[in-house]
Amino acid sequence: MGHVTTVAIFAAALAGCRWDPHTPLTQAEQARIDASLLGVVPVVGHPVGADLGGEITYVGLDAGPVVPGGTLTLVHVFEVTGLVFDWDLFVHVDTDQGGRINADHVPVDGLLAPMLWKPGQIVRDEHRVVLPDELGRRVKVYVGFYRGDQRLVVRSGPQDGANRLLAAELPVTGP
């Protein structure tokens, strides 16, 4: 096995990705991937349309209600416009009280790391974030890609100046 392949497999394993070129996917895993690769760009509740490094367009997201102590469902949509190489996805949920929930993950339940994305694909990634009991009145969802200490440049779209794309500001509901 070549060095690049070994490094890619090791990096995927560290990121929680199930992908291994020597182990075939189960039918259920392949079905999960197939369901996450869309034929057309869908309409989302929070459209963004941001260019990330000329490699990915962040179409936007749908988000469930933000309830203190609850679980927030986020559904991101990415359109792959270039070669993604070895970037990892990050998701930060920041509270207006200064807290941050790190929701970094490998897309599609660990089955479809960005290094596997191909130009022209539309990737739908649904994941859940457990929220603390204290949130304040609003949360901000930031999205981006990183490699070590480097982040993929946000070429267009709202950001915080540190290449974290502001995907949505969501009101907190409930007590």
C-alpha atoms as a PDB file:
ATOM      1  CA  MET A   1       0.000   0.000   0.000  1.00  0.00           C
ATOM      2  CA  GLY A   2       1.380   3.441  -0.908  1.00  0.00           C
ATOM      3  CA  HIS A   3       2.164   6.180   1.608  1.00  0.00           C
ATOM      4  CA  VAL A   4      -0.631   8.476   0.406  1.00  0.00           C
ATOM      5  CA  THR A   5      -3.233   5.698   0.697  1.00  0.00           C
ATOM      6  CA  THR A   6      -1.977   4.765   4.177  1.00  0.00           C
ATOM      7  CA  VAL A   7      -2.137   8.394   5.309  1.00  0.00           C
ATOM      8  CA  ALA A   8      -5.642   8.818   3.839  1.00  0.00           C
ATOM      9  CA  ILE A   9      -6.925   5.699   5.597  1.00  0.00           C
ATOM     10  CA  PHE A  10      -5.310   6.748   8.890  1.00  0.00           C
ATOM     11  CA  ALA A  11      -6.724  10.282   8.611  1.00  0.00           C
ATOM     12  CA  ALA A  12     -10.175   8.899   7.826  1.00  0.00           C
ATOM     13  CA  ALA A  13      -9.994   6.602  10.846  1.00  0.00           C
ATOM     14  CA  LEU A  14      -8.996   9.468  13.134  1.00  0.00           C
ATOM     15  CA  ALA A  15     -11.897  11.550  11.853  1.00  0.00           C
ATOM     16  CA  GLY A  16     -14.393   8.805  12.691  1.00  0.00           C
ATOM     17  CA  CYS A  17     -14.934   7.840   9.088  1.00  0.00           C
ATOM     18  CA  ARG A  18     -15.877   4.255   8.338  1.00  0.00           C
ATOM     19  CA  TRP A  19     -14.347   4.397   4.838  1.00  0.00           C
ATOM     20  CA  ASP A  20     -11.742   1.763   4.030  1.00  0.00           C
ATOM     21  CA  PRO A  21     -11.005   0.868   0.382  1.00  0.00           C
ATOM     22  CA  HIS A  22     -10.327  -2.763   1.316  1.00  0.00           C
ATOM     23  CA  THR A  23     -13.639  -3.375   3.093  1.00  0.00           C
ATOM     24  CA  PRO A  24     -16.750  -3.284   0.921  1.00  0.00           C
ATOM     25  CA  LEU A  25     -19.630  -1.164   2.121  1.00  0.00           C
ATOM     26  CA  THR A  26     -22.679  -2.971   3.409  1.00  0.00           C
ATOM     27  CA  GLN A  27     -25.897  -2.556   1.437  1.00  0.00           C
ATOM     28  CA  ALA A  28     -27.249  -0.329   4.207  1.00  0.00           C
ATOM     29  CA  GLU A  29     -24.123   1.881   4.139  1.00  0.00           C
ATOM     30  CA  GLN A  30     -24.240   2.199   0.352  1.00  0.00           C
ATOM     31  CA  ALA A  31     -27.956   3.028   0.516  1.00  0.00           C
ATOM     32  CA  ARG A  32     -27.198   5.739   3.113  1.00  0.00           C
ATOM     33  CA  ILE A  33     -24.543   7.266   0.842  1.00  0.00           C
ATOM     34  CA  ASP A  34     -26.801   7.046  -2.237  1.00  0.00           C
ATOM     35  CA  ALA A  35     -29.633   8.794  -0.353  1.00  0.00           C
ATOM     36  CA  SER A  36     -27.238  11.599   0.597  1.00  0.00           C
ATOM     37  CA  LEU A  37     -26.060  12.284  -2.967  1.00  0.00           C
ATOM     38  CA  LEU A  38     -28.787  14.390  -4.521  1.00  0.00           C
ATOM     39  CA  GLY A  39     -29.623  14.821  -8.198  1.00  0.00           C
ATOM     40  CA  VAL A  40     -30.606  18.486  -7.905  1.00  0.00           C
ATOM     41  CA  VAL A  41     -29.881  21.298  -5.488  1.00  0.00           C
ATOM     42  CA  PRO A  42     -32.810  21.403  -3.051  1.00  0.00           C
ATOM     43  CA  VAL A  43     -34.502  24.458  -1.592  1.00  0.00           C
ATOM     44  CA  VAL A  44     -33.333  24.916   2.005  1.00  0.00           C
ATOM     45  CA  GLY A  45     -34.819  26.899   4.875  1.00  0.00           C
ATOM     46  CA  HIS A  46     -31.616  28.887   5.415  1.00  0.00           C
ATOM     47  CA  PRO A  47     -30.050  29.494   1.975  1.00  0.00           C
ATOM     48  CA  VAL A  48     -26.458  30.761   1.929  1.00  0.00           C
ATOM     49  CA  GLY A  49     -24.832  30.033  -1.471  1.00  0.00           C
ATOM     50  CA  ALA A  50     -21.286  30.687  -0.236  1.00  0.00           C
ATOM     51  CA  ASP A  51     -18.093  29.802  -2.122  1.00  0.00           C
ATOM     52  CA  LEU A  52     -15.593  27.912   0.011  1.00  0.00           C
ATOM     53  CA  GLY A  53     -12.171  27.986  -1.607  1.00  0.00           C
ATOM     54  CA  GLY A  54     -13.559  27.442  -5.102  1.00  0.00           C
ATOM     55  CA  GLU A  55     -13.988  23.787  -4.115  1.00  0.00           C
ATOM     56  CA  ILE A  56     -17.399  23.732  -2.425  1.00  0.00           C
ATOM     57  CA  THR A  57     -20.548  25.801  -2.525  1.00  0.00           C
ATOM     58  CA  TYR A  58     -22.342  25.756   0.793  1.00  0.00           C
ATOM     59  CA  VAL A  59     -25.945  25.812  -0.419  1.00  0.00           C
ATOM     60  CA  GLY A  60     -27.386  26.239   3.078  1.00  0.00           C
ATOM     61  CA  LEU A  61     -29.183  24.253   5.717  1.00  0.00           C
ATOM     62  CA  ASP A  62     -32.421  23.222   7.325  1.00  0.00           C
ATOM     63  CA  ALA A  63     -32.532  23.294  11.104  1.00  0.00           C
ATOM     64  CA  GLY A  64     -34.918  21.911  13.676  1.00  0.00           C
ATOM     65  CA  PRO A  65     -36.030  23.937  16.683  1.00  0.00           C
ATOM     66  CA  VAL A  66     -33.369  25.144  19.121  1.00  0.00           C
ATOM     67  CA  VAL A  67     -34.545  24.048  22.567  1.00  0.00           C
ATOM     68  CA  PRO A  68     -32.338  24.315  25.675  1.00  0.00           C
ATOM     69  CA  GLY A  69     -31.253  20.831  26.748  1.00  0.00           C
ATOM     70  CA  GLY A  70     -32.650  19.341  23.530  1.00  0.00           C
ATOM     71  CA  THR A  71     -31.166  17.955  20.351  1.00  0.00           C
ATOM     72  CA  LEU A  72     -30.803  20.205  17.315  1.00  0.00           C
ATOM     73  CA  THR A  73     -31.031  18.564  13.887  1.00  0.00           C
ATOM     74  CA  LEU A  74     -28.958  20.259  11.183  1.00  0.00           C
ATOM     75  CA  VAL A  75     -29.213  19.298   7.518  1.00  0.00           C
ATOM     76  CA  HIS A  76     -26.403  20.819   5.441  1.00  0.00           C
ATOM     77  CA  VAL A  77     -26.278  20.848   1.635  1.00  0.00           C
ATOM     78  CA  PHE A  78     -22.949  21.134  -0.183  1.00  0.00           C
ATOM     79  CA  GLU A  79     -22.378  21.360  -3.930  1.00  0.00           C
ATOM     80  CA  VAL A  80     -18.920  20.129  -4.910  1.00  0.00           C
ATOM     81  CA  THR A  81     -17.398  22.487  -7.483  1.00  0.00           C
ATOM     82  CA  GLY A  82     -13.742  21.367  -7.417  1.00  0.00           C
ATOM     83  CA  LEU A  83     -11.404  18.773  -6.003  1.00  0.00           C
ATOM     84  CA  VAL A  84     -11.818  18.761  -2.219  1.00  0.00           C
ATOM     85  CA  PHE A  85      -8.594  16.901  -1.363  1.00  0.00           C
ATOM     86  CA  ASP A  86      -8.077  16.398   2.361  1.00  0.00           C
ATOM     87  CA  TRP A  87     -10.275  18.950   4.131  1.00  0.00           C
ATOM     88  CA  ASP A  88     -12.334  18.002   7.189  1.00  0.00           C
ATOM     89  CA  LEU A  89     -15.727  19.520   8.001  1.00  0.00           C
ATOM     90  CA  PHE A  90     -16.238  21.627  11.099  1.00  0.00           C
ATOM     91  CA  VAL A  91     -19.534  22.818  12.568  1.00  0.00           C
ATOM     92  CA  HIS A  92     -19.648  25.218  15.501  1.00  0.00           C
ATOM     93  CA  VAL A  93     -22.830  26.216  17.312  1.00  0.00           C
ATOM     94  CA  ASP A  94     -22.117  29.422  19.252  1.00  0.00           C
ATOM     95  CA  THR A  95     -24.468  30.745  21.926  1.00  0.00           C
ATOM     96  CA  ASP A  96     -25.014  34.441  22.476  1.00  0.00           C
ATOM     97  CA  GLN A  97     -23.654  33.866  25.998  1.00  0.00           C
ATOM     98  CA  GLY A  98     -20.205  33.070  24.628  1.00  0.00           C
ATOM     99  CA  GLY A  99     -20.418  29.269  24.651  1.00  0.00           C
ATOM    100  CA  ARG A 100     -19.398  27.053  21.752  1.00  0.00           C
ATOM    101  CA  ILE A 101     -20.571  23.560  20.886  1.00  0.00           C
ATOM    102  CA  ASN A 102     -18.078  21.794  18.640  1.00  0.00           C
ATOM    103  CA  ALA A 103     -20.107  19.597  16.281  1.00  0.00           C
ATOM    104  CA  ASP A 104     -17.273  18.573  13.938  1.00  0.00           C
ATOM    105  CA  HIS A 105     -18.028  15.265  12.254  1.00  0.00           C
ATOM    106  CA  VAL A 106     -17.455  13.159   9.158  1.00  0.00           C
ATOM    107  CA  PRO A 107     -20.476  13.709   6.866  1.00  0.00           C
ATOM    108  CA  VAL A 108     -23.158  11.108   6.215  1.00  0.00           C
ATOM    109  CA  ASP A 109     -22.753   9.238   9.497  1.00  0.00           C
ATOM    110  CA  GLY A 110     -19.001   8.814   8.985  1.00  0.00           C
ATOM    111  CA  LEU A 111     -19.431   7.246   5.545  1.00  0.00           C
ATOM    112  CA  LEU A 112     -18.569  10.091   3.167  1.00  0.00           C
ATOM    113  CA  ALA A 113     -15.496  12.082   4.186  1.00  0.00           C
ATOM    114  CA  PRO A 114     -14.970  15.227   2.072  1.00  0.00           C
ATOM    115  CA  MET A 115     -11.839  13.651   0.540  1.00  0.00           C
ATOM    116  CA  LEU A 116     -14.227  11.238  -1.214  1.00  0.00           C
ATOM    117  CA  TRP A 117     -16.420  13.973  -2.720  1.00  0.00           C
ATOM    118  CA  LYS A 118     -16.305  14.449  -6.484  1.00  0.00           C
ATOM    119  CA  PRO A 119     -16.945  17.582  -8.550  1.00  0.00           C
ATOM    120  CA  GLY A 120     -20.599  17.826  -9.540  1.00  0.00           C
ATOM    121  CA  GLN A 121     -21.930  15.988  -6.485  1.00  0.00           C
ATOM    122  CA  ILE A 122     -24.560  17.491  -4.227  1.00  0.00           C
ATOM    123  CA  VAL A 123     -24.065  16.174  -0.712  1.00  0.00           C
ATOM    124  CA  ARG A 124     -26.803  16.237   1.927  1.00  0.00           C
ATOM    125  CA  ASP A 125     -25.484  15.760   5.462  1.00  0.00           C
ATOM    126  CA  GLU A 126     -27.853  15.400   8.417  1.00  0.00           C
ATOM    127  CA  HIS A 127     -26.535  15.310  11.954  1.00  0.00           C
ATOM    128  CA  ARG A 128     -27.682  16.070  15.476  1.00  0.00           C
ATOM    129  CA  VAL A 129     -26.192  18.346  18.108  1.00  0.00           C
ATOM    130  CA  VAL A 130     -26.962  17.934  21.806  1.00  0.00           C
ATOM    131  CA  LEU A 131     -27.591  21.363  23.318  1.00  0.00           C
ATOM    132  CA  PRO A 132     -26.809  22.543  26.844  1.00  0.00           C
ATOM    133  CA  ASP A 133     -29.519  23.788  29.191  1.00  0.00           C
ATOM    134  CA  GLU A 134     -28.320  27.412  28.958  1.00  0.00           C
ATOM    135  CA  LEU A 135     -28.306  28.915  25.470  1.00  0.00           C
ATOM    136  CA  GLY A 136     -29.414  32.516  25.657  1.00  0.00           C
ATOM    137  CA  ARG A 137     -31.811  33.862  23.022  1.00  0.00           C
ATOM    138  CA  ARG A 138     -30.028  32.933  19.770  1.00  0.00           C
ATOM    139  CA  VAL A 139     -27.400  30.548  18.448  1.00  0.00           C
ATOM    140  CA  LYS A 140     -25.171  30.973  15.428  1.00  0.00           C
ATOM    141  CA  VAL A 141     -24.230  27.978  13.292  1.00  0.00           C
ATOM    142  CA  TYR A 142     -20.805  28.268  11.668  1.00  0.00           C
ATOM    143  CA  VAL A 143     -19.542  25.854   9.011  1.00  0.00           C
ATOM    144  CA  GLY A 144     -16.244  25.403   7.236  1.00  0.00           C
ATOM    145  CA  PHE A 145     -13.419  23.073   6.375  1.00  0.00           C
ATOM    146  CA  TYR A 146     -10.042  22.694   8.017  1.00  0.00           C
ATOM    147  CA  ARG A 147      -6.757  20.847   7.657  1.00  0.00           C
ATOM    148  CA  GLY A 148      -4.583  21.078  10.755  1.00  0.00           C
ATOM    149  CA  ASP A 149      -4.500  24.776  11.692  1.00  0.00           C
ATOM    150  CA  GLN A 150      -5.500  25.933   8.186  1.00  0.00           C
ATOM    151  CA  ARG A 151      -9.086  26.691   7.133  1.00  0.00           C
ATOM    152  CA  LEU A 152     -10.513  26.670   3.618  1.00  0.00           C
ATOM    153  CA  VAL A 153     -11.020  30.302   2.572  1.00  0.00           C
ATOM    154  CA  VAL A 154     -14.571  31.641   2.611  1.00  0.00           C
ATOM    155  CA  ARG A 155     -14.576  33.492  -0.725  1.00  0.00           C
ATOM    156  CA  SER A 156     -18.158  34.726  -0.469  1.00  0.00           C
ATOM    157  CA  GLY A 157     -20.892  34.689   2.114  1.00  0.00           C
ATOM    158  CA  PRO A 158     -21.162  35.917   5.695  1.00  0.00           C
ATOM    159  CA  GLN A 159     -18.231  34.979   7.909  1.00  0.00           C
ATOM    160  CA  ASP A 160     -16.523  35.923  11.156  1.00  0.00           C
ATOM    161  CA  GLY A 161     -13.138  36.905   9.673  1.00  0.00           C
ATOM    162  CA  ALA A 162     -11.586  33.565  10.667  1.00  0.00           C
ATOM    163  CA  ASN A 163     -12.999  31.631   7.676  1.00  0.00           C
ATOM    164  CA  ARG A 164     -15.979  30.344   9.630  1.00  0.00           C
ATOM    165  CA  LEU A 165     -19.023  30.702   7.377  1.00  0.00           C
ATOM    166  CA  LEU A 166     -22.132  31.906   9.200  1.00  0.00           C
ATOM    167  CA  ALA A 167     -24.701  29.353   8.035  1.00  0.00           C
ATOM    168  CA  ALA A 168     -27.613  30.553  10.164  1.00  0.00           C
ATOM    169  CA  GLU A 169     -28.705  32.510  13.215  1.00  0.00           C
ATOM    170  CA  LEU A 170     -31.439  30.589  14.981  1.00  0.00           C
ATOM    171  CA  PRO A 171     -33.772  31.735  17.745  1.00  0.00           C
ATOM    172  CA  VAL A 172     -33.941  29.680  20.922  1.00  0.00           C
ATOM    173  CA  THR A 173     -37.428  28.392  21.707  1.00  0.00           C
ATOM    174  CA  GLY A 174     -38.803  26.886  24.892  1.00  0.00           C
ATOM    175  CA  PRO A 175     -38.028  27.743  28.501  1.00  0.00           C
END
